[in-house]
Amino acid sequence: MSILYTPLPIEQVLEGIDKDGRQYQEIDIGGVKLLVEQQSLESARVVRLISSNPMDYLNSKFQPGTELKFVPQFSREEESLT
């Protein structure tokens, strides 16, 4: 525990404390819902697995801390446009 002595009002000192700047997103991979933290445009880190299936928790691909790479996939309609 720390004590902070400051002439500033507490509202100003604690402003933005609840916002850590991280960007979280829920994604679905093969029917498994994950909460991920965006690292870059091509990657994200698994923060939380959201599933009622116990077997999903045994899959090492879904463990918190695992880095996921995003590979763009185009539908056949988009491929025919180019």
N, C-alpha and C. Protein backbone atom coordinates (compact mmCIF):
# COMPACT_ATOMS: atom_id res chain seq x y z
N MET A 1 0.84 -1.17 0.00
CA MET A 1 0.00 0.00 0.00
C MET A 1 0.89 1.23 0.00
N SER A 2 0.49 2.22 -0.77
CA SER A 2 1.26 3.46 -0.86
C SER A 2 0.38 4.64 -0.51
N ILE A 3 1.01 5.67 0.00
CA ILE A 3 0.33 6.93 0.27
C ILE A 3 0.92 7.96 -0.69
N LEU A 4 0.04 8.66 -1.37
CA LEU A 4 0.45 9.66 -2.34
C LEU A 4 0.04 11.03 -1.82
N TYR A 5 1.02 11.88 -1.52
CA TYR A 5 0.75 13.24 -1.08
C TYR A 5 0.83 14.16 -2.29
N THR A 6 -0.28 14.82 -2.61
CA THR A 6 -0.32 15.68 -3.78
C THR A 6 -1.32 16.81 -3.56
N PRO A 7 -1.05 17.98 -4.12
CA PRO A 7 -1.99 19.09 -4.01
C PRO A 7 -3.13 18.98 -5.04
N LEU A 8 -3.04 18.00 -5.94
CA LEU A 8 -4.05 17.83 -6.97
C LEU A 8 -5.29 17.12 -6.41
N PRO A 9 -6.48 17.41 -6.98
CA PRO A 9 -7.68 16.69 -6.56
C PRO A 9 -7.58 15.21 -6.95
N ILE A 10 -8.19 14.36 -6.15
CA ILE A 10 -8.12 12.91 -6.37
C ILE A 10 -8.66 12.52 -7.74
N GLU A 11 -9.68 13.24 -8.24
CA GLU A 11 -10.24 12.95 -9.55
C GLU A 11 -9.20 13.13 -10.65
N GLN A 12 -8.36 14.14 -10.50
CA GLN A 12 -7.33 14.40 -11.51
C GLN A 12 -6.19 13.38 -11.41
N VAL A 13 -5.86 12.99 -10.20
CA VAL A 13 -4.78 12.01 -10.01
C VAL A 13 -5.18 10.65 -10.58
N LEU A 14 -6.42 10.24 -10.34
CA LEU A 14 -6.86 8.92 -10.77
C LEU A 14 -7.51 8.90 -12.15
N GLU A 15 -7.51 10.01 -12.85
CA GLU A 15 -8.11 10.08 -14.17
C GLU A 15 -7.44 9.09 -15.13
N GLY A 16 -8.25 8.25 -15.75
CA GLY A 16 -7.74 7.28 -16.72
C GLY A 16 -7.15 6.02 -16.12
N ILE A 17 -7.24 5.84 -14.81
CA ILE A 17 -6.65 4.66 -14.18
C ILE A 17 -7.36 3.37 -14.61
N ASP A 18 -8.64 3.47 -14.96
CA ASP A 18 -9.38 2.29 -15.38
C ASP A 18 -9.17 1.95 -16.84
N LYS A 19 -8.49 2.80 -17.57
CA LYS A 19 -8.21 2.55 -18.98
C LYS A 19 -6.73 2.26 -19.13
N ASP A 20 -6.41 1.03 -19.50
CA ASP A 20 -4.99 0.66 -19.62
C ASP A 20 -4.47 0.74 -21.04
N GLY A 21 -5.33 1.13 -22.00
CA GLY A 21 -4.88 1.31 -23.37
C GLY A 21 -4.82 0.02 -24.20
N ARG A 22 -5.10 -1.09 -23.59
CA ARG A 22 -5.06 -2.35 -24.34
C ARG A 22 -6.35 -2.52 -25.11
N GLN A 23 -6.24 -3.17 -26.24
CA GLN A 23 -7.41 -3.41 -27.08
C GLN A 23 -7.72 -4.90 -27.06
N TYR A 24 -8.88 -5.23 -26.50
CA TYR A 24 -9.31 -6.61 -26.43
C TYR A 24 -10.42 -6.84 -27.44
N GLN A 25 -10.48 -8.08 -27.92
CA GLN A 25 -11.49 -8.43 -28.92
C GLN A 25 -11.86 -9.89 -28.73
N GLU A 26 -13.15 -10.19 -28.87
CA GLU A 26 -13.60 -11.58 -28.85
C GLU A 26 -13.57 -12.10 -30.27
N ILE A 27 -12.94 -13.27 -30.44
CA ILE A 27 -12.90 -13.89 -31.76
C ILE A 27 -13.35 -15.34 -31.63
N ASP A 28 -13.73 -15.91 -32.75
CA ASP A 28 -14.17 -17.30 -32.79
C ASP A 28 -13.25 -18.07 -33.73
N ILE A 29 -12.62 -19.11 -33.20
CA ILE A 29 -11.75 -19.96 -34.01
C ILE A 29 -12.28 -21.38 -33.93
N GLY A 30 -12.81 -21.84 -35.03
CA GLY A 30 -13.33 -23.21 -35.09
C GLY A 30 -14.40 -23.50 -34.06
N GLY A 31 -15.25 -22.52 -33.75
CA GLY A 31 -16.31 -22.71 -32.78
C GLY A 31 -15.89 -22.47 -31.35
N VAL A 32 -14.64 -22.05 -31.13
CA VAL A 32 -14.14 -21.77 -29.79
C VAL A 32 -13.98 -20.25 -29.65
N LYS A 33 -14.60 -19.68 -28.63
CA LYS A 33 -14.56 -18.24 -28.43
C LYS A 33 -13.35 -17.88 -27.55
N LEU A 34 -12.58 -16.89 -28.00
CA LEU A 34 -11.38 -16.45 -27.28
C LEU A 34 -11.43 -14.94 -27.09
N LEU A 35 -10.92 -14.49 -25.97
CA LEU A 35 -10.69 -13.07 -25.75
C LEU A 35 -9.21 -12.85 -26.01
N VAL A 36 -8.89 -11.98 -26.98
CA VAL A 36 -7.50 -11.76 -27.36
C VAL A 36 -7.14 -10.29 -27.21
N GLU A 37 -5.86 -10.04 -27.02
CA GLU A 37 -5.31 -8.69 -26.97
C GLU A 37 -4.55 -8.45 -28.26
N GLN A 38 -4.94 -7.42 -28.98
CA GLN A 38 -4.31 -7.11 -30.26
C GLN A 38 -2.86 -6.68 -30.03
N GLN A 39 -1.91 -7.36 -30.69
CA GLN A 39 -0.50 -7.04 -30.59
C GLN A 39 -0.06 -6.18 -31.77
N SER A 40 -0.49 -6.57 -32.96
CA SER A 40 -0.20 -5.84 -34.19
C SER A 40 -1.33 -6.14 -35.16
N LEU A 41 -1.18 -5.70 -36.40
CA LEU A 41 -2.22 -5.98 -37.39
C LEU A 41 -2.31 -7.46 -37.72
N GLU A 42 -1.19 -8.18 -37.57
CA GLU A 42 -1.16 -9.60 -37.94
C GLU A 42 -1.17 -10.56 -36.77
N SER A 43 -1.13 -10.06 -35.54
CA SER A 43 -1.04 -10.99 -34.41
C SER A 43 -1.83 -10.49 -33.20
N ALA A 44 -2.19 -11.46 -32.35
CA ALA A 44 -2.89 -11.19 -31.11
C ALA A 44 -2.45 -12.23 -30.08
N ARG A 45 -2.61 -11.90 -28.81
CA ARG A 45 -2.25 -12.80 -27.72
C ARG A 45 -3.53 -13.24 -27.01
N VAL A 46 -3.65 -14.54 -26.76
CA VAL A 46 -4.82 -15.08 -26.08
C VAL A 46 -4.80 -14.62 -24.63
N VAL A 47 -5.90 -13.99 -24.20
CA VAL A 47 -6.04 -13.54 -22.82
C VAL A 47 -6.92 -14.50 -22.04
N ARG A 48 -7.98 -14.98 -22.69
CA ARG A 48 -8.96 -15.82 -21.99
C ARG A 48 -9.67 -16.74 -22.97
N LEU A 49 -9.93 -17.94 -22.54
CA LEU A 49 -10.71 -18.91 -23.31
C LEU A 49 -12.12 -18.91 -22.74
N ILE A 50 -13.12 -18.76 -23.61
CA ILE A 50 -14.52 -18.73 -23.18
C ILE A 50 -15.21 -19.94 -23.80
N SER A 51 -15.34 -21.00 -23.04
CA SER A 51 -15.92 -22.23 -23.58
C SER A 51 -16.50 -23.07 -22.45
N SER A 52 -17.53 -23.81 -22.78
CA SER A 52 -18.11 -24.75 -21.81
C SER A 52 -17.63 -26.17 -22.06
N ASN A 53 -16.82 -26.35 -23.10
CA ASN A 53 -16.29 -27.67 -23.45
C ASN A 53 -14.95 -27.88 -22.74
N PRO A 54 -14.85 -28.84 -21.82
CA PRO A 54 -13.59 -29.07 -21.10
C PRO A 54 -12.42 -29.43 -22.02
N MET A 55 -12.70 -30.04 -23.17
CA MET A 55 -11.63 -30.43 -24.08
C MET A 55 -10.93 -29.21 -24.69
N ASP A 56 -11.64 -28.10 -24.81
CA ASP A 56 -11.02 -26.87 -25.34
C ASP A 56 -9.90 -26.38 -24.44
N TYR A 57 -10.04 -26.60 -23.14
CA TYR A 57 -9.03 -26.14 -22.18
C TYR A 57 -7.76 -27.00 -22.23
N LEU A 58 -7.85 -28.17 -22.83
CA LEU A 58 -6.68 -29.04 -22.97
C LEU A 58 -5.91 -28.76 -24.26
N ASN A 59 -6.47 -27.95 -25.14
CA ASN A 59 -5.83 -27.62 -26.41
C ASN A 59 -4.80 -26.51 -26.17
N SER A 60 -3.54 -26.80 -26.44
CA SER A 60 -2.46 -25.83 -26.17
C SER A 60 -2.56 -24.59 -27.05
N LYS A 61 -3.28 -24.65 -28.17
CA LYS A 61 -3.43 -23.48 -29.05
C LYS A 61 -4.26 -22.38 -28.38
N PHE A 62 -5.07 -22.75 -27.39
CA PHE A 62 -5.97 -21.79 -26.76
C PHE A 62 -5.52 -21.35 -25.37
N GLN A 63 -4.32 -21.73 -24.95
CA GLN A 63 -3.83 -21.35 -23.63
C GLN A 63 -3.56 -19.86 -23.57
N PRO A 64 -3.90 -19.21 -22.45
CA PRO A 64 -3.57 -17.79 -22.30
C PRO A 64 -2.08 -17.54 -22.48
N GLY A 65 -1.77 -16.49 -23.22
CA GLY A 65 -0.38 -16.16 -23.51
C GLY A 65 0.07 -16.62 -24.89
N THR A 66 -0.69 -17.52 -25.50
CA THR A 66 -0.35 -18.01 -26.83
C THR A 66 -0.54 -16.90 -27.85
N GLU A 67 0.43 -16.75 -28.74
CA GLU A 67 0.31 -15.73 -29.78
C GLU A 67 -0.32 -16.34 -31.03
N LEU A 68 -1.31 -15.64 -31.56
CA LEU A 68 -2.01 -16.08 -32.76
C LEU A 68 -1.60 -15.19 -33.92
N LYS A 69 -1.38 -15.78 -35.06
CA LYS A 69 -1.06 -15.03 -36.28
C LYS A 69 -2.29 -15.01 -37.17
N PHE A 70 -2.57 -13.85 -37.75
CA PHE A 70 -3.70 -13.72 -38.65
C PHE A 70 -3.22 -13.79 -40.09
N VAL A 71 -3.85 -14.64 -40.88
CA VAL A 71 -3.53 -14.78 -42.29
C VAL A 71 -4.77 -14.38 -43.06
N PRO A 72 -4.68 -13.38 -43.94
CA PRO A 72 -5.87 -12.97 -44.69
C PRO A 72 -6.40 -14.10 -45.56
N GLN A 73 -7.69 -14.30 -45.53
CA GLN A 73 -8.32 -15.30 -46.37
C GLN A 73 -9.38 -14.60 -47.20
N PHE A 74 -9.40 -14.91 -48.48
CA PHE A 74 -10.34 -14.29 -49.39
C PHE A 74 -11.36 -15.32 -49.83
N SER A 75 -12.59 -14.86 -49.96
CA SER A 75 -13.63 -15.75 -50.47
C SER A 75 -13.47 -15.87 -51.98
N ARG A 76 -14.11 -16.84 -52.55
CA ARG A 76 -14.01 -17.06 -54.00
C ARG A 76 -14.56 -15.85 -54.76
N GLU A 77 -15.56 -15.17 -54.22
CA GLU A 77 -16.11 -14.00 -54.88
C GLU A 77 -15.07 -12.89 -54.96
N GLU A 78 -14.30 -12.68 -53.87
CA GLU A 78 -13.28 -11.64 -53.86
C GLU A 78 -12.14 -12.00 -54.81
N GLU A 79 -11.80 -13.29 -54.92
CA GLU A 79 -10.73 -13.72 -55.82
C GLU A 79 -11.12 -13.48 -57.27
N SER A 80 -12.39 -13.66 -57.59
CA SER A 80 -12.83 -13.49 -58.97
C SER A 80 -12.87 -12.02 -59.37
N LEU A 81 -12.89 -11.11 -58.39
CA LEU A 81 -12.91 -9.68 -58.69
C LEU A 81 -11.55 -9.18 -59.14
N THR A 82 -10.48 -9.86 -58.77
CA THR A 82 -9.14 -9.38 -59.13
C THR A 82 -8.68 -9.94 -60.45
